Amino acid sequence: MKFLNVGIVGAGNRAGGLARVLLAIKGVQITGVCDPNKERLNKLADDYNVSEKGRFSDFREMMKSSLFDSVVITSPDHTHYEIVMAAAKHKKHIFCEKPMALELDHCIEMQKAAAKNKVVFMMGFCLRYNNLYRKAKEIIASGEIGKIRLAHVVDSVERGSAYFFHSWHRLRKNSGGLLLQKATHSLDIINWMVDSKPVSVYALGGLDVFGGKESSAKSCADCSKKKTCPEFIDSKRYHSDYLSGKALAIEDKCVFANEIDIMDNETLMIKYENGAKASFVECHFTPDYKREFSFIGDKGRLDVLDFYTQNGIGTPYHEVTVSKRHSAETVKHYVQLGDGGHGGGDTAMMKEFIEVLSGKKKTLLADGMTGVISTAIAAAAEQSISSEK
């Protein structure tokens, strides 16, 4: 049997999750791992029986290797550009976690490099592969609500502090801000449903709850207020929503540190080439953990509710509701998500990547251009916020 050999760049929590998904696919082997942190590198490599010659601390050296033909990039956001460019140069097929890169110009270069070297370039927009959003897209594509004219989306992130403000994401130089790091998931879904290119963006935003005067060196573990602070986290036993309840180690820097320079909330207005208009709100200090989408067409309205928890309590549920404009008809679709991370999105996404590499499928649902477009919206929004125009 011929195997598809895959290398992984970045050996953090996300790498482990996608590695498990990849190895569940028949005919896939992980034959290379790269991370500058030796402990992380060897832990992931040991877990998946990667040989000593398949372990790299420098991605530039890794890309010269003939041990694999494709790479899965799960390294920090600010590293994506250089790694993708190196992979394309050495004709490695590429899966890159979102966001694509921190600069729009870099994203365009990455897309061109992949095309020039004729390599597959897939973006990690796993929500496109989640049954809930697939159902919504199916209904919209059928014409049931007509042509989309308006959209309204709210991305509520109850655990925004744990995921972003305790960690390296809190610095713009590392993450580019949360419109890029987090909101690109939802922005990409809007782009997919509206099925048009964005032409203008107006935005407002702020750092209204997190940040402050505390030292950048302060951490939860050594804080005198750890027994009373509502933002305290146990850095060694944090439970993620997308690793099947498994505890993981995360950073525990103080969320009120003076070094934080990203926003904790943003509001966007987006106009599309086909005339559709969308509003988008992202908040990282809400008690709710859910995504809400409303798409209004000339024949009806489609609402998507992707609910996880409220204050850590509640049973997740996921539904699509269709309401017709010229009748009292309303239909609810309760959607069963797939197994695995992001409601089965991770599993279906990686399966498609492998199917394209093996020739079983010709096109990707989330190609490199999806990364370019979502980054363009985030970049335009950041510019609008800073210029107040």
Protein backbone atom coordinates (compact mmCIF):
# COMPACT_ATOMS: atom_id res chain seq x y z
CA MET A 1 0.00 0.00 0.00
CA LYS A 2 1.31 3.45 -0.93
CA PHE A 3 1.29 5.88 1.98
CA LEU A 4 0.81 9.64 1.99
CA ASN A 5 3.60 11.02 4.15
CA VAL A 6 2.86 14.19 6.10
CA GLY A 7 5.09 16.55 8.08
CA ILE A 8 3.76 18.75 10.91
CA VAL A 9 5.20 22.20 11.63
CA GLY A 10 4.43 23.41 15.14
CA ALA A 11 4.03 20.81 17.90
CA GLY A 12 1.49 22.47 20.18
CA ASN A 13 -2.03 21.43 21.23
CA ARG A 14 -3.54 21.97 17.77
CA ALA A 15 -0.89 19.78 16.16
CA GLY A 16 -1.76 16.86 18.42
CA GLY A 17 -5.46 17.17 17.61
CA LEU A 18 -4.93 17.19 13.84
CA ALA A 19 -2.32 14.43 14.03
CA ARG A 20 -4.89 12.09 15.59
CA VAL A 21 -7.34 12.93 12.82
CA LEU A 22 -4.76 12.34 10.09
CA LEU A 23 -3.68 8.96 11.41
CA ALA A 24 -7.30 7.79 11.51
CA ILE A 25 -7.34 8.14 7.71
CA LYS A 26 -6.24 5.00 5.92
CA GLY A 27 -2.91 5.33 4.13
CA VAL A 28 -1.57 8.35 6.02
CA GLN A 29 1.72 8.47 7.93
CA ILE A 30 3.31 11.28 9.93
CA THR A 31 6.97 11.17 8.99
CA GLY A 32 8.21 14.58 10.09
CA VAL A 33 7.75 17.03 12.98
CA CYS A 34 9.25 20.48 13.43
CA ASP A 35 9.30 22.77 16.47
CA PRO A 36 12.06 24.96 17.96
CA ASN A 37 11.01 23.77 21.43
CA LYS A 38 12.78 20.45 21.90
CA GLU A 39 10.40 19.19 24.58
CA ARG A 40 7.31 19.80 22.44
CA LEU A 41 9.04 18.42 19.37
CA ASN A 42 10.01 15.13 20.99
CA LYS A 43 6.66 14.71 22.76
CA LEU A 44 4.70 14.90 19.49
CA ALA A 45 7.27 12.86 17.57
CA ASP A 46 7.28 10.15 20.26
CA ASP A 47 3.49 10.03 20.32
CA TYR A 48 3.38 9.26 16.59
CA ASN A 49 6.57 7.19 16.22
CA VAL A 50 8.44 9.71 14.08
CA SER A 51 12.05 8.66 13.44
CA GLU A 52 15.01 10.71 14.66
CA LYS A 53 15.81 11.85 11.13
CA GLY A 54 12.24 13.14 10.85
CA ARG A 55 12.65 15.56 13.79
CA PHE A 56 13.55 19.16 12.98
CA SER A 57 14.07 22.35 14.97
CA ASP A 58 14.26 24.56 11.86
CA PHE A 59 11.49 24.55 9.27
CA ARG A 60 13.95 25.59 6.54
CA GLU A 61 15.89 22.38 7.01
CA MET A 62 12.68 20.42 7.31
CA MET A 63 11.43 21.54 3.88
CA LYS A 64 14.57 20.15 2.22
CA SER A 65 13.68 16.66 3.44
CA SER A 66 12.28 13.98 1.14
CA LEU A 67 10.56 12.20 4.04
CA PHE A 68 7.17 13.79 3.24
CA ASP A 69 5.34 15.43 0.36
CA SER A 70 2.93 17.63 2.31
CA VAL A 71 2.97 19.73 5.47
CA VAL A 72 0.39 20.65 8.07
CA ILE A 73 1.23 24.05 9.58
CA THR A 74 -0.03 24.59 13.13
CA SER A 75 2.66 26.99 14.34
CA PRO A 76 1.94 30.47 15.82
CA ASP A 77 0.24 32.88 13.43
CA HIS A 78 3.21 35.18 12.84
CA THR A 79 5.29 32.27 11.48
CA HIS A 80 2.87 31.15 8.76
CA TYR A 81 4.20 33.37 5.97
CA GLU A 82 7.81 32.19 6.04
CA ILE A 83 6.86 28.54 6.51
CA VAL A 84 4.34 28.49 3.65
CA MET A 85 6.79 30.24 1.33
CA ALA A 86 9.49 27.68 2.16
CA ALA A 87 7.07 24.79 1.70
CA ALA A 88 5.91 26.07 -1.69
CA LYS A 89 9.52 26.61 -2.83
CA HIS A 90 10.30 22.97 -2.05
CA LYS A 91 7.02 21.84 -3.67
CA LYS A 92 5.38 20.52 -0.53
CA HIS A 93 1.58 20.50 -0.52
CA ILE A 94 0.28 22.76 2.23
CA PHE A 95 -2.40 22.79 4.89
CA CYS A 96 -2.18 26.02 6.90
CA GLU A 97 -4.14 26.83 10.01
CA LYS A 98 -6.00 30.11 10.00
CA PRO A 99 -5.21 32.94 9.94
CA MET A 100 -3.25 32.73 6.72
CA ALA A 101 -0.75 35.43 7.77
CA LEU A 102 -0.66 38.75 9.62
CA GLU A 103 -0.22 40.93 6.52
CA LEU A 104 -2.49 40.95 3.47
CA ASP A 105 0.48 41.40 1.13
CA HIS A 106 2.02 38.25 2.59
CA CYS A 107 -1.20 36.31 2.01
CA ILE A 108 -1.21 37.32 -1.65
CA GLU A 109 2.43 36.24 -1.99
CA MET A 110 1.66 32.89 -0.36
CA GLN A 111 -1.22 32.24 -2.74
CA LYS A 112 0.93 33.11 -5.77
CA ALA A 113 3.81 30.95 -4.55
CA ALA A 114 1.55 27.91 -4.16
CA ALA A 115 0.09 28.43 -7.63
CA LYS A 116 3.52 28.97 -9.22
CA ASN A 117 4.88 25.77 -7.71
CA LYS A 118 1.67 23.83 -8.45
CA VAL A 119 1.12 22.66 -4.90
CA VAL A 120 -2.18 22.15 -3.07
CA PHE A 121 -2.86 25.00 -0.63
CA MET A 122 -5.62 24.49 1.92
CA MET A 123 -6.73 26.81 4.72
CA GLY A 124 -7.90 25.57 8.12
CA PHE A 125 -11.46 26.89 7.94
CA CYS A 126 -12.92 23.87 9.69
CA LEU A 127 -16.40 25.39 10.12
CA ARG A 128 -17.02 24.93 6.38
CA TYR A 129 -16.80 21.19 7.08
CA ASN A 130 -19.10 21.23 10.11
CA ASN A 131 -22.57 19.71 9.43
CA LEU A 132 -24.36 22.77 10.79
CA TYR A 133 -22.82 25.21 8.34
CA ARG A 134 -23.00 22.72 5.50
CA LYS A 135 -26.75 22.47 6.08
CA ALA A 136 -27.10 26.26 6.06
CA LYS A 137 -25.10 26.52 2.83
CA GLU A 138 -27.20 23.79 1.22
CA ILE A 139 -30.43 25.67 2.00
CA ILE A 140 -29.09 29.03 0.82
CA ALA A 141 -27.69 27.49 -2.38
CA SER A 142 -31.10 25.94 -3.11
CA GLY A 143 -32.62 29.42 -3.37
CA GLU A 144 -35.09 28.81 -0.56
CA ILE A 145 -34.60 32.26 0.98
CA GLY A 146 -33.81 33.95 -2.32
CA LYS A 147 -30.90 36.29 -2.92
CA ILE A 148 -29.15 37.33 0.30
CA ARG A 149 -29.43 41.07 0.87
CA LEU A 150 -28.54 41.39 4.57
CA ALA A 151 -26.59 39.38 7.15
CA HIS A 152 -26.08 39.85 10.88
CA VAL A 153 -23.57 37.81 12.85
CA VAL A 154 -22.59 37.75 16.53
CA ASP A 155 -19.55 35.79 17.71
CA SER A 156 -19.74 35.47 21.50
CA VAL A 157 -16.57 34.11 23.10
CA GLU A 158 -17.15 33.32 26.76
CA ARG A 159 -13.64 31.90 27.13
CA GLY A 160 -11.87 34.63 25.20
CA SER A 161 -9.64 35.45 28.16
CA ALA A 162 -8.44 31.86 28.55
CA TYR A 163 -7.80 31.34 24.86
CA PHE A 164 -6.27 34.69 23.98
CA PHE A 165 -5.59 37.19 26.76
CA HIS A 166 -3.57 34.84 28.96
CA SER A 167 -1.32 33.80 26.07
CA TRP A 168 0.95 34.95 23.26
CA HIS A 169 -2.11 35.93 21.21
CA ARG A 170 -2.47 39.09 23.34
CA LEU A 171 0.33 40.82 21.42
CA ARG A 172 -0.50 42.15 17.97
CA LYS A 173 2.95 41.23 16.66
CA ASN A 174 2.13 37.55 17.36
CA SER A 175 -1.53 37.22 16.35
CA GLY A 176 -2.38 40.31 14.33
CA GLY A 177 -5.36 40.86 16.64
CA LEU A 178 -8.47 38.76 17.18
CA LEU A 179 -10.22 39.76 13.97
CA LEU A 180 -7.50 37.74 12.28
CA GLN A 181 -6.93 35.06 14.90
CA LYS A 182 -10.50 34.30 15.94
CA ALA A 183 -13.03 36.16 13.79
CA THR A 184 -11.72 34.81 10.49
CA HIS A 185 -13.75 31.63 11.18
CA SER A 186 -17.02 33.57 11.21
CA LEU A 187 -15.96 36.08 8.55
CA ASP A 188 -15.17 33.17 6.25
CA ILE A 189 -18.62 31.68 6.84
CA ILE A 190 -20.24 35.02 5.91
CA ASN A 191 -18.14 35.14 2.72
CA TRP A 192 -19.12 31.56 1.89
CA MET A 193 -22.85 32.08 2.43
CA VAL A 194 -23.02 35.45 0.66
CA ASP A 195 -20.88 34.04 -2.17
CA SER A 196 -19.39 37.37 -3.21
CA LYS A 197 -16.24 39.42 -2.76
CA PRO A 198 -16.16 42.14 -0.05
CA VAL A 199 -15.61 45.64 -1.40
CA SER A 200 -15.68 47.89 1.68
CA VAL A 201 -15.52 47.65 5.48
CA TYR A 202 -16.25 50.09 8.29
CA ALA A 203 -15.42 49.11 11.85
CA LEU A 204 -15.26 50.11 15.50
CA GLY A 205 -13.39 48.32 18.28
CA GLY A 206 -11.78 48.61 21.67
CA LEU A 207 -9.93 47.06 24.59
CA ASP A 208 -12.62 47.69 27.18
CA VAL A 209 -12.29 44.89 29.76
CA PHE A 210 -8.85 43.27 29.50
CA GLY A 211 -5.47 44.96 29.62
CA GLY A 212 -4.52 47.44 32.35
CA LYS A 213 -1.58 48.27 34.60
CA GLU A 214 -0.32 44.89 35.76
CA SER A 215 3.19 43.68 34.93
CA SER A 216 3.62 41.63 31.77
CA ALA A 217 5.56 39.10 33.88
CA LYS A 218 2.64 38.44 36.22
CA SER A 219 0.96 35.01 36.01
CA CYS A 220 -2.03 33.30 37.61
CA ALA A 221 0.10 30.67 39.36
CA ASP A 222 2.03 33.20 41.45
CA CYS A 223 -0.69 35.83 41.91
CA SER A 224 -1.85 36.77 45.41
CA LYS A 225 -5.41 37.22 44.07
CA LYS A 226 -5.71 33.82 42.41
CA LYS A 227 -8.35 32.59 44.87
CA THR A 228 -10.70 35.50 44.14
CA CYS A 229 -9.87 36.62 40.59
CA PRO A 230 -12.61 35.52 38.14
CA GLU A 231 -10.02 35.34 35.35
CA PHE A 232 -7.79 32.82 37.16
CA ILE A 233 -6.95 29.68 35.19
CA ASP A 234 -5.03 26.56 36.10
CA SER A 235 -2.43 26.50 33.35
CA LYS A 236 -1.80 22.75 33.60
CA ARG A 237 -5.38 21.52 33.76
CA TYR A 238 -7.45 23.68 31.43
CA HIS A 239 -10.30 21.95 29.62
CA SER A 240 -10.74 22.93 25.98
CA ASP A 241 -13.99 22.80 24.01
CA TYR A 242 -12.39 21.12 21.00
CA LEU A 243 -10.19 18.40 22.49
CA SER A 244 -12.99 16.12 23.69
CA GLY A 245 -12.75 17.31 27.28
CA LYS A 246 -9.08 16.46 27.57
CA ALA A 247 -7.10 18.73 29.90
CA LEU A 248 -4.24 20.66 28.34
CA ALA A 249 -1.46 23.02 29.35
CA ILE A 250 -1.89 26.67 28.38
CA GLU A 251 -0.28 29.98 29.31
CA ASP A 252 -1.53 31.78 32.43
CA LYS A 253 -0.26 35.34 32.02
CA CYS A 254 -2.33 38.05 33.72
CA VAL A 255 -5.15 39.30 31.48
CA PHE A 256 -4.84 42.78 32.99
CA ALA A 257 -1.22 43.27 31.90
CA ASN A 258 -0.02 46.54 30.45
CA GLU A 259 1.53 44.85 27.39
CA ILE A 260 -1.81 43.76 25.88
CA ASP A 261 -2.38 45.65 22.63
CA ILE A 262 -5.19 43.73 20.90
CA MET A 263 -8.91 44.51 21.11
CA ASP A 264 -11.45 42.49 23.09
CA ASN A 265 -14.44 43.57 20.97
CA GLU A 266 -15.09 44.70 17.40
CA THR A 267 -18.11 45.72 15.31
CA LEU A 268 -17.93 45.60 11.50
CA MET A 269 -20.10 46.64 8.56
CA ILE A 270 -19.19 44.87 5.31
CA LYS A 271 -20.45 45.57 1.79
CA TYR A 272 -20.16 42.91 -0.92
CA GLU A 273 -19.76 43.10 -4.69
CA ASN A 274 -23.24 41.63 -5.24
CA GLY A 275 -24.85 44.34 -3.09
CA ALA A 276 -25.27 42.28 0.08
CA LYS A 277 -24.45 43.98 3.39
CA ALA A 278 -23.34 42.29 6.60
CA SER A 279 -22.84 43.38 10.20
CA PHE A 280 -20.52 41.44 12.48
CA VAL A 281 -19.88 41.67 16.23
CA GLU A 282 -17.17 39.80 18.15
CA CYS A 283 -16.96 39.96 21.95
CA HIS A 284 -14.49 38.24 24.29
CA PHE A 285 -16.03 39.16 27.65
CA THR A 286 -19.56 37.87 27.20
CA PRO A 287 -21.07 35.09 29.38
CA ASP A 288 -22.16 33.27 26.22
CA TYR A 289 -20.14 30.92 24.07
CA LYS A 290 -21.94 30.70 20.75
CA ARG A 291 -22.15 31.88 17.16
CA GLU A 292 -25.34 33.38 15.74
CA PHE A 293 -25.88 34.00 12.04
CA SER A 294 -28.88 35.57 10.30
CA PHE A 295 -29.11 35.77 6.51
CA ILE A 296 -32.05 37.68 5.03
CA GLY A 297 -32.94 37.10 1.41
CA ASP A 298 -35.72 38.48 -0.76
CA LYS A 299 -37.79 35.33 -0.13
CA GLY A 300 -37.06 34.62 3.53
CA ARG A 301 -34.61 34.41 6.36
CA LEU A 302 -32.18 31.75 7.58
CA ASP A 303 -30.89 31.73 11.16
CA VAL A 304 -28.04 29.59 12.44
CA LEU A 305 -27.54 29.05 16.17
CA ASP A 306 -24.32 27.33 17.17
CA PHE A 307 -24.57 27.17 20.97
CA TYR A 308 -21.87 25.77 23.26
CA THR A 309 -22.40 27.04 26.82
CA GLN A 310 -23.42 29.97 28.97
CA ASN A 311 -21.00 30.57 31.85
CA GLY A 312 -19.75 27.06 31.24
CA ILE A 313 -23.21 25.56 31.75
CA GLY A 314 -25.69 24.11 29.32
CA THR A 315 -26.07 21.41 26.70
CA PRO A 316 -24.73 22.37 23.27
CA TYR A 317 -27.27 22.53 20.47
CA HIS A 318 -27.08 23.47 16.84
CA GLU A 319 -29.98 24.46 14.63
CA VAL A 320 -30.90 26.13 11.37
CA THR A 321 -34.26 27.92 11.14
CA VAL A 322 -35.84 28.97 7.85
CA SER A 323 -38.70 31.51 7.83
CA LYS A 324 -40.54 32.40 4.61
CA ARG A 325 -41.39 35.97 3.75
CA HIS A 326 -44.77 35.47 2.09
CA SER A 327 -46.17 32.81 4.37
CA ALA A 328 -46.25 31.78 8.00
CA GLU A 329 -44.02 28.81 7.25
CA THR A 330 -41.08 28.28 9.61
CA VAL A 331 -38.97 25.15 9.56
CA LYS A 332 -36.34 24.19 12.13
CA HIS A 333 -33.51 21.82 11.29
CA TYR A 334 -31.78 20.33 14.33
CA VAL A 335 -28.35 19.33 13.12
CA GLN A 336 -26.30 16.48 14.56
CA LEU A 337 -22.63 17.37 14.50
CA GLY A 338 -19.95 14.89 13.58
CA ASP A 339 -17.44 13.33 15.94
CA GLY A 340 -14.17 15.08 16.68
CA GLY A 341 -12.96 18.65 17.05
CA HIS A 342 -15.06 21.61 15.91
CA GLY A 343 -18.17 19.48 15.61
CA GLY A 344 -16.56 17.04 13.20
CA GLY A 345 -15.20 19.86 11.07
CA ASP A 346 -11.59 18.90 11.76
CA THR A 347 -12.19 15.31 10.63
CA ALA A 348 -13.99 16.22 7.39
CA MET A 349 -11.48 18.97 6.63
CA MET A 350 -8.40 16.76 6.91
CA LYS A 351 -10.15 13.99 5.01
CA GLU A 352 -10.70 16.37 2.10
CA PHE A 353 -7.05 17.48 2.20
CA ILE A 354 -5.93 13.87 1.89
CA GLU A 355 -8.52 13.12 -0.83
CA VAL A 356 -7.20 16.00 -2.93
CA LEU A 357 -3.60 14.89 -2.40
CA SER A 358 -4.46 11.34 -3.44
CA GLY A 359 -6.41 12.45 -6.51
CA LYS A 360 -9.81 11.29 -5.26
CA LYS A 361 -11.07 14.87 -5.30
CA LYS A 362 -10.06 17.82 -7.45
CA THR A 363 -11.09 20.94 -5.54
CA LEU A 364 -10.95 22.25 -1.97
CA LEU A 365 -13.82 23.88 -0.12
CA ALA A 366 -11.32 26.07 1.76
CA ASP A 367 -8.47 26.93 -0.60
CA GLY A 368 -5.81 29.61 -0.26
CA MET A 369 -8.02 32.34 -1.69
CA THR A 370 -10.44 31.95 1.25
CA GLY A 371 -7.54 32.95 3.48
CA VAL A 372 -6.71 35.98 1.35
CA ILE A 373 -10.29 37.27 1.40
CA SER A 374 -10.86 36.82 5.14
CA THR A 375 -7.54 38.53 5.87
CA ALA A 376 -8.51 41.40 3.57
CA ILE A 377 -11.65 42.03 5.65
CA ALA A 378 -9.73 41.91 8.93
CA ALA A 379 -7.01 44.22 7.60
CA ALA A 380 -9.54 46.74 6.29
CA ALA A 381 -11.41 46.64 9.61
CA GLU A 382 -8.23 47.23 11.61
CA GLN A 383 -7.39 50.20 9.36
CA SER A 384 -10.90 51.59 9.77
CA ILE A 385 -10.71 51.29 13.56
CA SER A 386 -7.32 52.98 13.80
CA SER A 387 -8.28 55.81 11.44
CA GLU A 388 -11.85 56.13 12.75
CA LYS A 389 -13.05 56.17 9.13
